[in-house]
Amino acid sequence: MAFLKNVWYCAGFSHELDDGKFLGRKLVNEQVLMYRKEDGTAIAMSNICPHRFAPLSEGPRFGDNVSCPYHGLEFDSTGQCVRNPNGDKGSKTDLNPPKVARLKSYPFEERWGIMFIWVGDPDKADVALIPDYSMTEERPGHKTVFGSHKLDAHYQLAVDNLLDRTHVQFLHPRLNLGDQFADNFERKYSTEQTGDLIWDYHCEINAPKMPLVALLWPEAPDLMEYYFDVRWEAPANMLLDSGSVAPNTNREVGSHSPGANMVTPIDEGSCYYFWNLCRDKNLDSPETDMGIQKGVGETFSQEDGRMVTLCQEMMEGETDLLSMKPLLLPSDEAAVRARRIIAKKLSEEAAEEAMEPAE
């Protein structure tokens, strides 16, 4: 199965480039080097030296340039080789690099502490297409924590999981509602699609207080109303606008916890799950920060991630879920719509590439 190229993918978080660090990461089947120039600009280019294919992320840097750790070829921040120390002079003044030695450079943008990369045609990279995660940005009255995990499964299985709220009650002890429900407990869900944008809405009314809410909002009432509004944009960028309020009140008086849920393919059999969570309660609590990090980390590694990996194993290498004709439930609507949109976009990209003249 191919991957969409002319879209923005999450490449990680801005803080990962602090202190001049190199970050090497395989994204959408491409080895990428990310770092911050001395003026603060973040850049992304190929992480593979064209000489012996050494990872440049393991090499030293000289100003804005990166040097191959194997034979010392030096590349500037545009990816152009600017020094070959292996010539006749063999000194720092040898400035006769092979002109054909130029690395692929990627459109790369930072928004709200998130790094976005475009691996397709750079002429088609439109910053207006970057998904809006502004409500997850840390700002006065809000605290944001970040995390990432590697998953050994096709990225669309991770998307299916994140668009599915109904599994929570069975898979997540920290998030389930127990088995004691009020007589007036009510669950509602619906899905809307506008063009290629999907919103999936899930609401639970007169529900017991779940453990995560007790961490974020200790003084919350015992009976709650929860909302989970998920916005999906192709191929795997989701905004989870979630929160909890007392029943029959409005979202302005409860706990609001929007979060980014972004899945980026590594290759056919693995992906990254990047997430953040922004809260407006219990802000000055390092224990809450650590509790969220630990809770999401363990939830993903021991629950979601493990289950999705097991499902991938049961599929015996197949990556197209719909081709296996699975049983579909009403709650699968958003995930099925997302898969169909991706299939349509893949077909459109393939048609565009077929029409482009050969170089």
Protein backbone atom coordinates (compact mmCIF):
# COMPACT_ATOMS: atom_id res chain seq x y z
CA MET A 1 0.00 0.00 0.00
CA ALA A 2 1.37 3.41 -0.98
CA PHE A 3 1.46 6.49 1.25
CA LEU A 4 0.10 9.93 0.51
CA LYS A 5 2.99 12.29 -0.17
CA ASN A 6 1.46 15.71 -0.87
CA VAL A 7 0.19 16.21 2.67
CA TRP A 8 1.63 17.46 5.96
CA TYR A 9 2.78 14.84 8.46
CA CYS A 10 3.85 15.37 12.04
CA ALA A 11 7.62 14.89 12.28
CA GLY A 12 7.87 15.40 16.04
CA PHE A 13 7.91 18.29 18.50
CA SER A 14 9.90 21.51 18.51
CA HIS A 15 11.53 20.82 21.86
CA GLU A 16 13.24 17.76 20.36
CA LEU A 17 15.60 20.12 18.52
CA ASP A 18 16.67 22.02 21.64
CA ASP A 19 20.37 22.61 22.35
CA GLY A 20 21.45 22.12 18.74
CA LYS A 21 20.48 18.46 18.65
CA PHE A 22 20.32 16.42 15.46
CA LEU A 23 17.22 14.29 15.16
CA GLY A 24 17.25 11.41 12.71
CA ARG A 25 13.91 9.76 12.08
CA LYS A 26 12.43 7.55 9.36
CA LEU A 27 9.21 9.15 8.15
CA VAL A 28 6.98 7.88 5.33
CA ASN A 29 9.72 5.50 4.13
CA GLU A 30 12.33 8.28 4.01
CA GLN A 31 15.31 8.82 6.31
CA VAL A 32 15.11 12.40 7.55
CA LEU A 33 17.57 14.61 9.44
CA MET A 34 16.08 17.50 11.41
CA TYR A 35 17.93 20.24 13.26
CA ARG A 36 17.77 23.92 14.09
CA LYS A 37 20.06 26.43 12.42
CA GLU A 38 21.92 28.98 14.51
CA ASP A 39 19.25 31.58 13.70
CA GLY A 40 16.61 29.24 15.18
CA THR A 41 15.09 28.06 11.90
CA ALA A 42 14.23 24.36 11.89
CA ILE A 43 15.16 22.45 8.73
CA ALA A 44 14.76 18.92 7.40
CA MET A 45 16.78 17.10 4.76
CA SER A 46 17.87 13.58 3.90
CA ASN A 47 19.77 11.82 6.67
CA ILE A 48 21.70 9.60 4.25
CA CYS A 49 25.18 10.54 3.07
CA PRO A 50 25.28 9.73 -0.68
CA HIS A 51 28.82 8.33 -0.43
CA ARG A 52 28.43 5.24 1.79
CA PHE A 53 24.93 5.92 3.14
CA ALA A 54 26.04 6.75 6.67
CA PRO A 55 23.51 8.51 8.94
CA LEU A 56 24.39 12.20 9.05
CA SER A 57 22.58 12.54 12.37
CA GLU A 58 25.55 10.73 13.93
CA GLY A 59 28.04 13.32 12.69
CA PRO A 60 29.29 16.62 14.12
CA ARG A 61 28.02 20.01 13.09
CA PHE A 62 30.02 23.09 12.09
CA GLY A 63 27.79 26.11 12.40
CA ASP A 64 24.77 25.36 10.23
CA ASN A 65 26.59 22.54 8.40
CA VAL A 66 26.55 18.84 9.16
CA SER A 67 29.52 16.56 8.58
CA CYS A 68 29.30 12.88 7.69
CA PRO A 69 30.67 10.77 10.57
CA TYR A 70 32.21 8.28 8.13
CA HIS A 71 34.32 10.25 5.63
CA GLY A 72 33.75 13.88 6.60
CA LEU A 73 31.75 15.15 3.62
CA GLU A 74 30.13 18.37 4.78
CA PHE A 75 26.65 19.58 3.80
CA ASP A 76 25.03 22.95 4.30
CA SER A 77 21.49 23.49 5.54
CA THR A 78 20.08 23.31 1.99
CA GLY A 79 21.56 19.81 1.56
CA GLN A 80 24.38 20.88 -0.78
CA CYS A 81 27.78 19.26 -0.23
CA VAL A 82 30.20 22.14 0.46
CA ARG A 83 33.37 20.34 1.52
CA ASN A 84 35.23 17.16 0.64
CA PRO A 85 38.23 16.66 2.95
CA ASN A 86 39.37 13.59 1.01
CA GLY A 87 40.91 15.37 -1.98
CA ASP A 88 44.56 16.02 -2.73
CA LYS A 89 44.83 18.78 -0.17
CA GLY A 90 43.05 16.86 2.57
CA SER A 91 42.69 19.98 4.68
CA LYS A 92 40.03 22.33 5.91
CA THR A 93 40.72 24.55 2.90
CA ASP A 94 39.74 21.83 0.44
CA LEU A 95 36.52 23.30 -0.97
CA ASN A 96 36.08 21.20 -4.09
CA PRO A 97 33.14 18.92 -3.24
CA PRO A 98 31.34 16.88 -5.89
CA LYS A 99 28.58 19.15 -7.18
CA VAL A 100 26.23 16.21 -7.70
CA ALA A 101 26.30 15.52 -3.96
CA ARG A 102 23.07 17.23 -2.94
CA LEU A 103 20.63 15.89 -0.37
CA LYS A 104 16.86 16.07 -0.64
CA SER A 105 15.49 19.02 1.31
CA TYR A 106 11.94 19.03 2.69
CA PRO A 107 9.39 21.78 3.31
CA PHE A 108 9.36 21.99 7.09
CA GLU A 109 7.18 24.10 9.36
CA GLU A 110 6.64 24.61 13.08
CA ARG A 111 3.28 25.47 14.62
CA TRP A 112 2.13 25.25 18.26
CA GLY A 113 5.24 23.31 19.31
CA ILE A 114 4.65 20.71 16.56
CA MET A 115 6.94 20.08 13.56
CA PHE A 116 5.33 19.32 10.19
CA ILE A 117 7.05 17.84 7.15
CA TRP A 118 5.99 17.56 3.49
CA VAL A 119 7.63 14.60 1.76
CA GLY A 120 5.99 15.09 -1.65
CA ASP A 121 6.40 17.69 -4.40
CA PRO A 122 7.81 20.80 -2.65
CA ASP A 123 6.06 23.08 -5.14
CA LYS A 124 2.73 21.82 -3.81
CA ALA A 125 3.54 22.41 -0.14
CA ASP A 126 0.91 24.89 1.05
CA VAL A 127 1.21 26.03 4.68
CA ALA A 128 -2.53 26.79 4.65
CA LEU A 129 -3.05 23.00 4.61
CA ILE A 130 -1.32 22.48 7.97
CA PRO A 131 -3.96 21.18 10.40
CA ASP A 132 -5.02 23.70 13.03
CA TYR A 133 -3.94 22.59 16.50
CA SER A 134 -3.98 26.06 18.03
CA MET A 135 -6.30 25.02 20.86
CA THR A 136 -3.59 22.61 22.10
CA GLU A 137 -0.93 25.31 22.40
CA GLU A 138 0.37 26.16 25.85
CA ARG A 139 -0.74 29.66 26.84
CA PRO A 140 -1.90 31.52 29.95
CA GLY A 141 -4.39 29.34 31.80
CA HIS A 142 -3.36 26.22 29.90
CA LYS A 143 -0.62 23.60 30.30
CA THR A 144 0.46 21.22 27.53
CA VAL A 145 2.38 17.95 27.78
CA PHE A 146 3.77 15.98 24.83
CA GLY A 147 4.60 12.39 24.04
CA SER A 148 5.34 9.94 21.24
CA HIS A 149 5.38 6.19 20.76
CA LYS A 150 6.39 3.73 18.06
CA LEU A 151 3.83 1.18 16.97
CA ASP A 152 4.55 -2.03 15.05
CA ALA A 153 1.51 -1.88 12.80
CA HIS A 154 0.30 -0.10 9.68
CA TYR A 155 -0.54 3.52 10.41
CA GLN A 156 -4.18 3.20 9.32
CA LEU A 157 -4.84 0.67 12.08
CA ALA A 158 -3.68 3.30 14.57
CA VAL A 159 -6.03 5.83 12.95
CA ASP A 160 -8.92 3.35 13.20
CA ASN A 161 -8.17 3.01 16.91
CA LEU A 162 -8.07 6.75 17.56
CA LEU A 163 -11.35 7.31 15.72
CA ASP A 164 -13.05 4.65 17.82
CA ARG A 165 -14.33 5.67 21.24
CA THR A 166 -16.29 2.49 21.94
CA HIS A 167 -13.23 0.37 22.75
CA VAL A 168 -12.32 2.57 25.71
CA GLN A 169 -14.75 0.92 28.10
CA PHE A 170 -13.17 -2.49 27.48
CA LEU A 171 -9.48 -1.72 26.95
CA HIS A 172 -8.62 1.22 29.22
CA PRO A 173 -8.97 0.90 33.02
CA ARG A 174 -8.04 4.56 33.57
CA LEU A 175 -10.71 5.78 31.21
CA ASN A 176 -13.57 3.36 31.60
CA LEU A 177 -16.73 4.17 33.49
CA GLY A 178 -16.91 1.04 35.61
CA ASP A 179 -20.11 -0.97 35.72
CA GLN A 180 -22.27 1.21 37.97
CA PHE A 181 -24.38 3.47 35.76
CA ALA A 182 -27.11 5.87 36.79
CA ASP A 183 -30.60 5.14 35.52
CA ASN A 184 -30.44 8.27 33.39
CA PHE A 185 -27.04 7.44 31.83
CA GLU A 186 -27.03 8.23 28.12
CA ARG A 187 -24.51 7.75 25.31
CA LYS A 188 -24.68 9.63 22.01
CA TYR A 189 -22.48 9.54 18.93
CA SER A 190 -22.63 10.79 15.37
CA THR A 191 -20.36 11.45 12.38
CA GLU A 192 -20.29 14.35 9.93
CA GLN A 193 -18.27 14.78 6.75
CA THR A 194 -17.65 18.02 4.87
CA GLY A 195 -15.56 17.45 1.79
CA ASP A 196 -12.57 15.47 3.01
CA LEU A 197 -12.92 16.63 6.63
CA ILE A 198 -14.52 14.28 9.16
CA TRP A 199 -15.93 15.11 12.60
CA ASP A 200 -16.81 12.26 14.93
CA TYR A 201 -18.84 13.21 18.02
CA HIS A 202 -19.21 11.12 21.14
CA CYS A 203 -20.93 12.17 24.36
CA GLU A 204 -21.66 10.37 27.63
CA ILE A 205 -24.16 11.99 29.99
CA ASN A 206 -24.68 11.25 33.70
CA ALA A 207 -21.58 9.05 33.68
CA PRO A 208 -19.40 8.10 36.69
CA LYS A 209 -16.20 10.07 37.25
CA MET A 210 -13.36 8.27 35.50
CA PRO A 211 -9.84 8.08 37.02
CA LEU A 212 -8.30 10.50 34.48
CA VAL A 213 -10.84 13.19 35.34
CA ALA A 214 -10.04 12.75 39.03
CA LEU A 215 -6.41 13.53 38.14
CA LEU A 216 -7.16 16.57 35.96
CA TRP A 217 -10.05 17.97 38.01
CA PRO A 218 -10.00 16.58 41.58
CA GLU A 219 -13.04 18.58 42.69
CA ALA A 220 -15.22 17.35 39.80
CA PRO A 221 -18.70 16.09 40.74
CA ASP A 222 -19.36 12.37 40.94
CA LEU A 223 -21.67 12.38 37.93
CA MET A 224 -20.24 13.86 34.76
CA GLU A 225 -20.98 14.69 31.17
CA TYR A 226 -18.08 13.82 28.83
CA TYR A 227 -17.62 15.01 25.27
CA PHE A 228 -15.13 13.69 22.72
CA ASP A 229 -15.18 15.52 19.40
CA VAL A 230 -12.60 14.21 16.94
CA ARG A 231 -11.63 16.09 13.78
CA TRP A 232 -9.81 13.99 11.18
CA GLU A 233 -7.81 15.29 8.22
CA ALA A 234 -6.02 13.06 5.74
CA PRO A 235 -4.06 11.05 6.17
CA ALA A 236 -3.73 10.83 9.96
CA ASN A 237 -4.02 14.21 11.67
CA MET A 238 -6.64 14.25 14.39
CA LEU A 239 -7.71 16.87 16.90
CA LEU A 240 -9.41 15.48 20.00
CA ASP A 241 -11.50 18.27 21.49
CA SER A 242 -12.50 16.65 24.75
CA GLY A 243 -13.61 17.64 28.20
CA SER A 244 -15.89 17.04 31.13
CA VAL A 245 -18.61 19.12 32.71
CA ALA A 246 -21.32 18.68 35.29
CA PRO A 247 -24.48 17.39 33.58
CA ASN A 248 -26.73 20.06 32.07
CA THR A 249 -24.04 22.76 32.15
CA ASN A 250 -21.85 24.05 29.32
CA ARG A 251 -18.26 23.56 28.26
CA GLU A 252 -17.14 26.87 29.71
CA VAL A 253 -17.50 25.73 33.32
CA GLY A 254 -15.88 22.29 33.26
CA SER A 255 -12.52 20.80 32.43
CA HIS A 256 -11.34 21.19 28.84
CA SER A 257 -8.51 18.92 27.57
CA PRO A 258 -7.97 19.30 23.81
CA GLY A 259 -5.20 17.23 22.30
CA ALA A 260 -3.42 16.54 19.05
CA ASN A 261 -3.37 12.92 17.88
CA MET A 262 -1.07 12.54 14.89
CA VAL A 263 0.06 9.30 13.26
CA THR A 264 2.97 9.24 10.82
CA PRO A 265 3.96 6.14 8.87
CA ILE A 266 7.49 4.86 9.27
CA ASP A 267 7.08 2.09 6.72
CA GLU A 268 4.42 -0.48 5.81
CA GLY A 269 4.68 -2.22 9.16
CA SER A 270 5.23 0.56 11.67
CA CYS A 271 4.31 4.12 12.55
CA TYR A 272 4.76 6.88 15.11
CA TYR A 273 1.96 8.12 17.31
CA PHE A 274 2.60 11.74 18.34
CA TRP A 275 0.30 13.33 20.89
CA ASN A 276 -0.14 16.30 23.15
CA LEU A 277 -2.72 17.17 25.77
CA CYS A 278 -3.58 20.69 26.87
CA ARG A 279 -5.45 21.13 30.14
CA ASP A 280 -7.04 24.11 31.86
CA LYS A 281 -7.23 22.61 35.36
CA ASN A 282 -4.63 21.77 38.02
CA LEU A 283 -1.95 23.61 36.06
CA ASP A 284 0.82 23.99 38.63
CA SER A 285 1.13 20.32 39.41
CA PRO A 286 4.22 18.42 38.22
CA GLU A 287 2.50 15.31 39.56
CA THR A 288 -0.33 15.86 37.10
CA ASP A 289 2.17 16.32 34.24
CA MET A 290 3.89 13.07 35.16
CA GLY A 291 0.56 11.33 35.68
CA ILE A 292 -0.58 12.26 32.18
CA GLN A 293 2.74 11.21 30.65
CA LYS A 294 2.72 7.92 32.51
CA GLY A 295 -0.96 7.30 31.92
CA VAL A 296 -0.92 7.94 28.18
CA GLY A 297 2.40 6.12 27.79
CA GLU A 298 1.20 3.01 29.58
CA THR A 299 -2.21 3.16 27.94
CA PHE A 300 -0.65 3.20 24.51
CA SER A 301 2.15 0.70 25.07
CA GLN A 302 0.19 -1.80 27.15
CA GLU A 303 -3.34 -1.34 25.80
CA ASP A 304 -3.94 0.41 22.44
CA GLY A 305 -0.51 -0.26 20.98
CA ARG A 306 -0.44 -3.86 22.09
CA MET A 307 -3.94 -4.55 20.80
CA VAL A 308 -3.39 -2.90 17.42
CA THR A 309 -0.13 -4.82 17.02
CA LEU A 310 -1.95 -8.07 17.82
CA CYS A 311 -4.63 -7.22 15.27
CA GLN A 312 -1.92 -6.59 12.67
CA GLU A 313 -0.42 -9.99 13.44
CA MET A 314 -3.80 -11.65 13.00
CA MET A 315 -4.12 -9.94 9.61
CA GLU A 316 -0.93 -11.79 8.59
CA GLY A 317 0.72 -8.94 6.74
CA GLU A 318 -2.37 -7.45 5.12
CA THR A 319 -2.55 -3.65 5.47
CA ASP A 320 -5.86 -2.95 3.75
CA LEU A 321 -8.46 -3.72 6.40
CA LEU A 322 -11.47 -3.18 4.14
CA SER A 323 -10.19 -5.69 1.59
CA MET A 324 -10.59 -8.34 4.30
CA LYS A 325 -14.32 -7.57 4.51
CA PRO A 326 -14.46 -7.07 8.29
CA LEU A 327 -17.65 -6.96 10.28
CA LEU A 328 -18.56 -3.28 10.56
CA LEU A 329 -20.38 -1.71 13.51
CA PRO A 330 -22.16 1.66 13.53
CA SER A 331 -19.28 3.11 15.57
CA ASP A 332 -16.86 2.32 12.70
CA GLU A 333 -18.36 4.96 10.44
CA ALA A 334 -15.67 7.62 10.92
CA ALA A 335 -12.80 5.17 10.41
CA VAL A 336 -14.38 3.70 7.27
CA ARG A 337 -14.98 7.17 5.85
CA ALA A 338 -11.34 8.09 6.56
CA ARG A 339 -10.06 4.98 4.78
CA ARG A 340 -12.19 5.74 1.74
CA ILE A 341 -10.94 9.32 1.58
CA ILE A 342 -7.34 8.12 1.77
CA ALA A 343 -7.97 5.60 -1.03
CA LYS A 344 -9.47 8.36 -3.18
CA LYS A 345 -6.53 10.70 -2.53
CA LEU A 346 -4.01 7.96 -3.29
CA SER A 347 -5.72 7.37 -6.62
CA GLU A 348 -5.68 11.11 -7.37
CA GLU A 349 -1.98 11.40 -6.53
CA ALA A 350 -1.14 8.40 -8.71
CA ALA A 351 -3.09 9.92 -11.62
CA GLU A 352 -1.28 13.26 -11.21
CA GLU A 353 2.12 11.55 -11.15
CA ALA A 354 1.26 9.58 -14.29
CA MET A 355 0.49 12.82 -16.14
CA GLU A 356 3.70 14.58 -15.12
CA PRO A 357 6.42 14.61 -17.81
CA ALA A 358 9.48 12.45 -17.15
CA GLU A 359 12.61 14.36 -16.25
